PDB file of N, CA and C in Angstrom:
ATOM      1  N   MET A   1       5.890 -37.049  84.165  1.00  0.00           N
ATOM      2  CA  MET A   1       5.544 -35.303  84.153  1.00  0.00           C
ATOM      3  C   MET A   1       6.913 -35.178  85.014  1.00  0.00           C
ATOM      4  N   THR A   2       7.843 -34.292  84.840  1.00  0.00           N
ATOM      5  CA  THR A   2       9.022 -33.367  85.503  1.00  0.00           C
ATOM      6  C   THR A   2       9.058 -32.069  85.436  1.00  0.00           C
ATOM      7  N   THR A   3       9.797 -31.478  86.357  1.00  0.00           N
ATOM      8  CA  THR A   3       9.700 -30.191  86.236  1.00  0.00           C
ATOM      9  C   THR A   3      11.172 -29.347  86.121  1.00  0.00           C
ATOM     10  N   ALA A   4      11.325 -28.531  85.749  1.00  0.00           N
ATOM     11  CA  ALA A   4      12.986 -28.489  86.285  1.00  0.00           C
ATOM     12  C   ALA A   4      12.941 -27.092  87.012  1.00  0.00           C
ATOM     13  N   ILE A   5      13.937 -26.704  87.305  1.00  0.00           N
ATOM     14  CA  ILE A   5      14.088 -24.991  88.229  1.00  0.00           C
ATOM     15  C   ILE A   5      15.244 -24.586  87.613  1.00  0.00           C
ATOM     16  N   ASN A   6      15.568 -23.050  87.416  1.00  0.00           N
ATOM     17  CA  ASN A   6      16.848 -22.471  87.332  1.00  0.00           C
ATOM     18  C   ASN A   6      17.530 -22.473  88.181  1.00  0.00           C
ATOM     19  N   ALA A   7      18.427 -22.350  88.253  1.00  0.00           N
ATOM     20  CA  ALA A   7      19.552 -21.891  89.184  1.00  0.00           C
ATOM     21  C   ALA A   7      19.668 -20.772  89.928  1.00  0.00           C
ATOM     22  N   LEU A   8      19.546 -20.357  90.857  1.00  0.00           N
ATOM     23  CA  LEU A   8      19.534 -19.164  92.042  1.00  0.00           C
ATOM     24  C   LEU A   8      20.378 -18.014  91.413  1.00  0.00           C
ATOM     25  N   THR A   9      20.594 -16.815  91.622  1.00  0.00           N
ATOM     26  CA  THR A   9      21.362 -16.101  91.694  1.00  0.00           C
ATOM     27  C   THR A   9      21.884 -15.786  93.048  1.00  0.00           C
ATOM     28  N   LYS A  10      23.292 -15.248  93.326  1.00  0.00           N
ATOM     29  CA  LYS A  10      23.704 -15.275  94.797  1.00  0.00           C
ATOM     30  C   LYS A  10      22.643 -14.169  95.436  1.00  0.00           C
ATOM     31  N   SER A  11      22.788 -14.063  96.379  1.00  0.00           N
ATOM     32  CA  SER A  11      21.986 -13.160  97.145  1.00  0.00           C
ATOM     33  C   SER A  11      23.019 -12.020  97.911  1.00  0.00           C
ATOM     34  N   THR A  12      22.555 -10.637  97.461  1.00  0.00           N
ATOM     35  CA  THR A  12      23.696  -9.400  98.334  1.00  0.00           C
ATOM     36  C   THR A  12      23.188  -9.342  99.561  1.00  0.00           C
ATOM     37  N   ARG A  13      21.757  -9.993  99.894  1.00  0.00           N
ATOM     38  CA  ARG A  13      21.654  -9.787 101.353  1.00  0.00           C
ATOM     39  C   ARG A  13      22.677  -9.971 102.418  1.00  0.00           C
ATOM     40  N   PRO A  14      22.602  -9.223 103.499  1.00  0.00           N
ATOM     41  CA  PRO A  14      23.296 -10.132 104.519  1.00  0.00           C
ATOM     42  C   PRO A  14      23.629 -11.659 105.122  1.00  0.00           C
ATOM     43  N   SER A  15      24.431 -11.955 105.791  1.00  0.00           N
ATOM     44  CA  SER A  15      24.712 -13.408 106.105  1.00  0.00           C
ATOM     45  C   SER A  15      23.731 -13.468 107.209  1.00  0.00           C
ATOM     46  N   LEU A  16      23.050 -14.979 106.833  1.00  0.00           N
ATOM     47  CA  LEU A  16      21.391 -15.732 107.713  1.00  0.00           C
ATOM     48  C   LEU A  16      22.126 -16.239 108.648  1.00  0.00           C
ATOM     49  N   SER A  17      21.651 -17.399 109.326  1.00  0.00           N
ATOM     50  CA  SER A  17      21.467 -17.887 110.154  1.00  0.00           C
ATOM     51  C   SER A  17      22.128 -19.390 109.261  1.00  0.00           C
ATOM     52  N   THR A  18      22.544 -20.723 110.070  1.00  0.00           N
ATOM     53  CA  THR A  18      23.235 -21.128 109.445  1.00  0.00           C
ATOM     54  C   THR A  18      21.770 -22.507 108.531  1.00  0.00           C
ATOM     55  N   THR A  19      20.803 -22.459 109.817  1.00  0.00           N
ATOM     56  CA  THR A  19      19.836 -23.258 109.243  1.00  0.00           C
ATOM     57  C   THR A  19      19.181 -22.631 108.051  1.00  0.00           C
ATOM     58  N   THR A  20      19.066 -21.348 108.082  1.00  0.00           N
ATOM     59  CA  THR A  20      18.835 -20.563 106.829  1.00  0.00           C
ATOM     60  C   THR A  20      19.549 -20.894 105.431  1.00  0.00           C
ATOM     61  N   LYS A  21      20.744 -20.965 105.769  1.00  0.00           N
ATOM     62  CA  LYS A  21      21.741 -21.621 104.415  1.00  0.00           C
ATOM     63  C   LYS A  21      21.431 -22.507 104.207  1.00  0.00           C
ATOM     64  N   THR A  22      21.588 -23.589 105.145  1.00  0.00           N
ATOM     65  CA  THR A  22      21.273 -25.043 104.519  1.00  0.00           C
ATOM     66  C   THR A  22      20.138 -25.194 103.693  1.00  0.00           C
ATOM     67  N   ALA A  23      19.013 -24.599 104.000  1.00  0.00           N
ATOM     68  CA  ALA A  23      17.545 -24.401 103.592  1.00  0.00           C
ATOM     69  C   ALA A  23      17.900 -23.817 101.869  1.00  0.00           C
ATOM     70  N   ARG A  24      18.339 -22.783 102.169  1.00  0.00           N
ATOM     71  CA  ARG A  24      18.704 -22.078 100.660  1.00  0.00           C
ATOM     72  C   ARG A  24      20.021 -22.901  99.922  1.00  0.00           C
ATOM     73  N   GLN A  25      20.752 -23.413 100.371  1.00  0.00           N
ATOM     74  CA  GLN A  25      21.777 -24.489  99.734  1.00  0.00           C
ATOM     75  C   GLN A  25      21.114 -25.572  99.118  1.00  0.00           C
ATOM     76  N   GLU A  26      19.678 -25.969  99.516  1.00  0.00           N
ATOM     77  CA  GLU A  26      19.168 -27.274  99.220  1.00  0.00           C
ATOM     78  C   GLU A  26      18.414 -26.773  97.891  1.00  0.00           C
ATOM     79  N   VAL A  27      17.910 -25.503  97.917  1.00  0.00           N
ATOM     80  CA  VAL A  27      16.927 -25.271  97.131  1.00  0.00           C
ATOM     81  C   VAL A  27      17.863 -24.637  95.616  1.00  0.00           C
ATOM     82  N   LYS A  28      18.879 -24.433  95.784  1.00  0.00           N
ATOM     83  CA  LYS A  28      20.090 -24.451  94.870  1.00  0.00           C
ATOM     84  C   LYS A  28      20.069 -25.472  94.163  1.00  0.00           C
ATOM     85  N   GLN A  29      20.219 -26.756  94.791  1.00  0.00           N
ATOM     86  CA  GLN A  29      20.839 -27.789  94.479  1.00  0.00           C
ATOM     87  C   GLN A  29      19.438 -28.705  94.213  1.00  0.00           C
ATOM     88  N   ARG A  30      18.136 -28.053  93.963  1.00  0.00           N
ATOM     89  CA  ARG A  30      17.109 -29.059  93.539  1.00  0.00           C
ATOM     90  C   ARG A  30      17.087 -28.815  91.726  1.00  0.00           C
ATOM     91  N   GLN A  31      17.020 -29.639  90.939  1.00  0.00           N
ATOM     92  CA  GLN A  31      17.023 -29.717  89.435  1.00  0.00           C
ATOM     93  C   GLN A  31      16.142 -30.109  88.675  1.00  0.00           C
ATOM     94  N   HIS A  32      15.399 -31.284  89.461  1.00  0.00           N
ATOM     95  CA  HIS A  32      14.067 -31.853  89.265  1.00  0.00           C
ATOM     96  C   HIS A  32      13.055 -32.590  89.994  1.00  0.00           C
ATOM     97  N   ALA A  33      12.297 -32.265  89.658  1.00  0.00           N
ATOM     98  CA  ALA A  33      11.105 -33.406  90.403  1.00  0.00           C
ATOM     99  C   ALA A  33       9.988 -34.070  89.934  1.00  0.00           C
ATOM    100  N   GLU A  34       9.497 -34.937  90.631  1.00  0.00           N
ATOM    101  CA  GLU A  34       8.405 -35.629  89.824  1.00  0.00           C
ATOM    102  C   GLU A  34       7.280 -36.057  90.937  1.00  0.00           C
ATOM    103  N   PRO A  35       6.124 -35.595  90.227  1.00  0.00           N
ATOM    104  CA  PRO A  35       4.814 -35.793  91.416  1.00  0.00           C
ATOM    105  C   PRO A  35       4.529 -37.207  91.663  1.00  0.00           C
ATOM    106  N   ILE A  36       4.390 -37.252  93.273  1.00  0.00           N
ATOM    107  CA  ILE A  36       4.177 -38.819  93.780  1.00  0.00           C
ATOM    108  C   ILE A  36       3.247 -38.734  94.100  1.00  0.00           C
ATOM    109  N   LYS A  37       2.265 -37.986  94.564  1.00  0.00           N
ATOM    110  CA  LYS A  37       1.004 -38.159  95.136  1.00  0.00           C
ATOM    111  C   LYS A  37      -0.065 -36.954  94.570  1.00  0.00           C
ATOM    112  N   PHE A  38      -1.604 -37.431  94.714  1.00  0.00           N
ATOM    113  CA  PHE A  38      -2.062 -36.261  94.461  1.00  0.00           C
ATOM    114  C   PHE A  38      -2.408 -35.833  95.673  1.00  0.00           C
ATOM    115  N   ILE A  39      -2.737 -34.370  95.894  1.00  0.00           N
ATOM    116  CA  ILE A  39      -3.603 -33.825  97.202  1.00  0.00           C
ATOM    117  C   ILE A  39      -4.644 -33.538  97.282  1.00  0.00           C
ATOM    118  N   LEU A  40      -5.408 -34.083  97.715  1.00  0.00           N
ATOM    119  CA  LEU A  40      -7.073 -34.340  97.440  1.00  0.00           C
ATOM    120  C   LEU A  40      -7.660 -33.141  98.729  1.00  0.00           C
ATOM    121  N   ASP A  41      -8.855 -32.631  98.413  1.00  0.00           N
ATOM    122  CA  ASP A  41      -9.678 -32.026  99.331  1.00  0.00           C
ATOM    123  C   ASP A  41     -10.221 -33.613 100.236  1.00  0.00           C
ATOM    124  N   LYS A  42     -10.387 -32.671 101.243  1.00  0.00           N
ATOM    125  CA  LYS A  42     -10.686 -34.597 102.275  1.00  0.00           C
ATOM    126  C   LYS A  42     -12.155 -34.509 101.895  1.00  0.00           C
ATOM    127  N   ASP A  43     -13.327 -33.313 101.935  1.00  0.00           N
ATOM    128  CA  ASP A  43     -14.484 -33.534 101.798  1.00  0.00           C
ATOM    129  C   ASP A  43     -15.146 -33.920 100.770  1.00  0.00           C
ATOM    130  N   THR A  44     -14.429 -33.001  99.571  1.00  0.00           N
ATOM    131  CA  THR A  44     -15.395 -33.404  98.050  1.00  0.00           C
ATOM    132  C   THR A  44     -14.270 -34.373  97.066  1.00  0.00           C
ATOM    133  N   ARG A  45     -12.931 -34.318  97.681  1.00  0.00           N
ATOM    134  CA  ARG A  45     -12.039 -35.654  97.098  1.00  0.00           C
ATOM    135  C   ARG A  45     -11.890 -34.849  95.476  1.00  0.00           C
ATOM    136  N   ASP A  46     -11.514 -33.349  95.289  1.00  0.00           N
ATOM    137  CA  ASP A  46     -11.407 -33.218  94.121  1.00  0.00           C
ATOM    138  C   ASP A  46      -9.831 -32.351  94.551  1.00  0.00           C
ATOM    139  N   VAL A  47      -9.146 -32.554  93.222  1.00  0.00           N
ATOM    140  CA  VAL A  47      -7.405 -32.376  93.077  1.00  0.00           C
ATOM    141  C   VAL A  47      -7.212 -31.015  93.970  1.00  0.00           C
ATOM    142  N   VAL A  48      -6.514 -30.594  94.719  1.00  0.00           N
ATOM    143  CA  VAL A  48      -6.227 -29.115  95.163  1.00  0.00           C
ATOM    144  C   VAL A  48      -4.636 -29.090  95.084  1.00  0.00           C
ATOM    145  N   GLY A  49      -3.622 -30.288  94.663  1.00  0.00           N
ATOM    146  CA  GLY A  49      -2.674 -30.155  94.275  1.00  0.00           C
ATOM    147  C   GLY A  49      -1.817 -31.467  93.959  1.00  0.00           C
ATOM    148  N   TRP A  50      -0.505 -31.090  93.935  1.00  0.00           N
ATOM    149  CA  TRP A  50       0.200 -32.508  93.801  1.00  0.00           C
ATOM    150  C   TRP A  50       1.451 -32.678  94.992  1.00  0.00           C
ATOM    151  N   LEU A  51       1.672 -33.816  94.943  1.00  0.00           N
ATOM    152  CA  LEU A  51       3.454 -33.401  95.560  1.00  0.00           C
ATOM    153  C   LEU A  51       4.163 -33.958  95.287  1.00  0.00           C
ATOM    154  N   TYR A  52       5.339 -33.180  95.001  1.00  0.00           N
ATOM    155  CA  TYR A  52       6.188 -33.550  94.461  1.00  0.00           C
ATOM    156  C   TYR A  52       7.795 -33.802  95.274  1.00  0.00           C
ATOM    157  N   LYS A  53       8.679 -34.731  94.811  1.00  0.00           N
ATOM    158  CA  LYS A  53       9.679 -35.225  95.531  1.00  0.00           C
ATOM    159  C   LYS A  53      10.780 -34.782  94.488  1.00  0.00           C
ATOM    160  N   TRP A  54      11.640 -34.420  94.807  1.00  0.00           N
ATOM    161  CA  TRP A  54      12.980 -33.349  94.509  1.00  0.00           C
ATOM    162  C   TRP A  54      14.029 -34.499  94.375  1.00  0.00           C
ATOM    163  N   ASN A  55      15.023 -33.928  93.317  1.00  0.00           N
ATOM    164  CA  ASN A  55      16.386 -34.661  93.275  1.00  0.00           C
ATOM    165  C   ASN A  55      17.207 -35.059  94.581  1.00  0.00           C
ATOM    166  N   THR A  56      16.686 -33.853  95.762  1.00  0.00           N
ATOM    167  CA  THR A  56      17.407 -33.766  97.187  1.00  0.00           C
ATOM    168  C   THR A  56      16.845 -34.725  97.966  1.00  0.00           C
ATOM    169  N   GLY A  57      15.277 -35.197  97.709  1.00  0.00           N
ATOM    170  CA  GLY A  57      15.057 -35.832  98.489  1.00  0.00           C
ATOM    171  C   GLY A  57      13.798 -35.336  98.980  1.00  0.00           C
ATOM    172  N   ALA A  58      13.782 -33.859  99.207  1.00  0.00           N
ATOM    173  CA  ALA A  58      12.680 -32.741  99.261  1.00  0.00           C
ATOM    174  C   ALA A  58      11.321 -32.928  99.145  1.00  0.00           C
ATOM    175  N   LEU A  59      10.254 -33.200 100.063  1.00  0.00           N
ATOM    176  CA  LEU A  59       9.177 -33.190  99.397  1.00  0.00           C
ATOM    177  C   LEU A  59       8.424 -31.913  99.524  1.00  0.00           C
ATOM    178  N   VAL A  60       7.673 -31.632  98.397  1.00  0.00           N
ATOM    179  CA  VAL A  60       7.166 -30.417  98.512  1.00  0.00           C
ATOM    180  C   VAL A  60       5.683 -30.133  97.811  1.00  0.00           C
ATOM    181  N   PRO A  61       4.687 -29.407  98.377  1.00  0.00           N
ATOM    182  CA  PRO A  61       3.421 -29.183  98.053  1.00  0.00           C
ATOM    183  C   PRO A  61       3.547 -28.475  96.621  1.00  0.00           C
ATOM    184  N   MET A  62       2.554 -28.320  95.614  1.00  0.00           N
ATOM    185  CA  MET A  62       2.280 -27.851  94.298  1.00  0.00           C
ATOM    186  C   MET A  62       0.611 -27.266  94.347  1.00  0.00           C
ATOM    187  N   TRP A  63       0.142 -26.165  94.773  1.00  0.00           N
ATOM    188  CA  TRP A  63      -1.176 -26.204  94.936  1.00  0.00           C
ATOM    189  C   TRP A  63      -1.901 -25.676  93.820  1.00  0.00           C
ATOM    190  N   LYS A  64      -3.045 -26.012  92.998  1.00  0.00           N
ATOM    191  CA  LYS A  64      -3.403 -25.432  92.261  1.00  0.00           C
ATOM    192  C   LYS A  64      -3.974 -24.048  92.058  1.00  0.00           C
ATOM    193  N   ASP A  65      -4.622 -23.599  93.287  1.00  0.00           N
ATOM    194  CA  ASP A  65      -5.036 -22.332  93.835  1.00  0.00           C
ATOM    195  C   ASP A  65      -4.764 -21.719  95.239  1.00  0.00           C
ATOM    196  N   GLY A  66      -3.642 -22.342  95.900  1.00  0.00           N
ATOM    197  CA  GLY A  66      -3.195 -21.710  97.045  1.00  0.00           C
ATOM    198  C   GLY A  66      -3.451 -23.104  97.730  1.00  0.00           C
ATOM    199  N   ALA A  67      -2.566 -22.688  99.279  1.00  0.00           N
ATOM    200  CA  ALA A  67      -2.635 -24.085 100.027  1.00  0.00           C
ATOM    201  C   ALA A  67      -3.948 -24.329 100.680  1.00  0.00           C
ATOM    202  N   CYS A  68      -4.379 -25.470 100.733  1.00  0.00           N
ATOM    203  CA  CYS A  68      -5.372 -25.737 101.377  1.00  0.00           C
ATOM    204  C   CYS A  68      -5.001 -26.299 102.938  1.00  0.00           C
ATOM    205  N   GLN A  69      -5.889 -26.858 103.930  1.00  0.00           N
ATOM    206  CA  GLN A  69      -6.055 -26.915 105.009  1.00  0.00           C
ATOM    207  C   GLN A  69      -6.704 -28.050 105.291  1.00  0.00           C
ATOM    208  N   ASN A  70      -7.657 -28.915 105.097  1.00  0.00           N
ATOM    209  CA  ASN A  70      -8.404 -30.001 105.054  1.00  0.00           C
ATOM    210  C   ASN A  70      -8.469 -31.194 104.112  1.00  0.00           C
ATOM    211  N   VAL A  71      -6.867 -31.660 104.091  1.00  0.00           N
ATOM    212  CA  VAL A  71      -6.484 -32.672 102.933  1.00  0.00           C
ATOM    213  C   VAL A  71      -5.761 -33.913 102.973  1.00  0.00           C
ATOM    214  N   ILE A  72      -5.939 -34.796 102.103  1.00  0.00           N
ATOM    215  CA  ILE A  72      -5.446 -36.336 102.182  1.00  0.00           C
ATOM    216  C   ILE A  72      -4.409 -36.080 101.012  1.00  0.00           C
ATOM    217  N   TYR A  73      -3.724 -37.233 100.968  1.00  0.00           N
ATOM    218  CA  TYR A  73      -2.398 -37.796 100.122  1.00  0.00           C
ATOM    219  C   TYR A  73      -3.170 -39.057  99.690  1.00  0.00           C
ATOM    220  N   GLU A  74      -2.932 -38.985  98.122  1.00  0.00           N
ATOM    221  CA  GLU A  74      -3.075 -40.416  97.806  1.00  0.00           C
ATOM    222  C   GLU A  74      -2.283 -40.249  96.458  1.00  0.00           C
TER     223      GLU A  74
END
């Protein structure tokens, strides 16, 4: 299972702090991701999302119905 993201267009907003620029630059570099773990509800063990690892090394959750609090990664 692979996910792709389109290149982001350049923003016309004023300049932001260096840390924000770094984060935006990383998002622009993300080209593909693969799911590496299930995110499960701790009580019911139902799948509530997946943890993806991007080509940049970033780990990003993808939730089925919004972020959950009481979860485990498996």
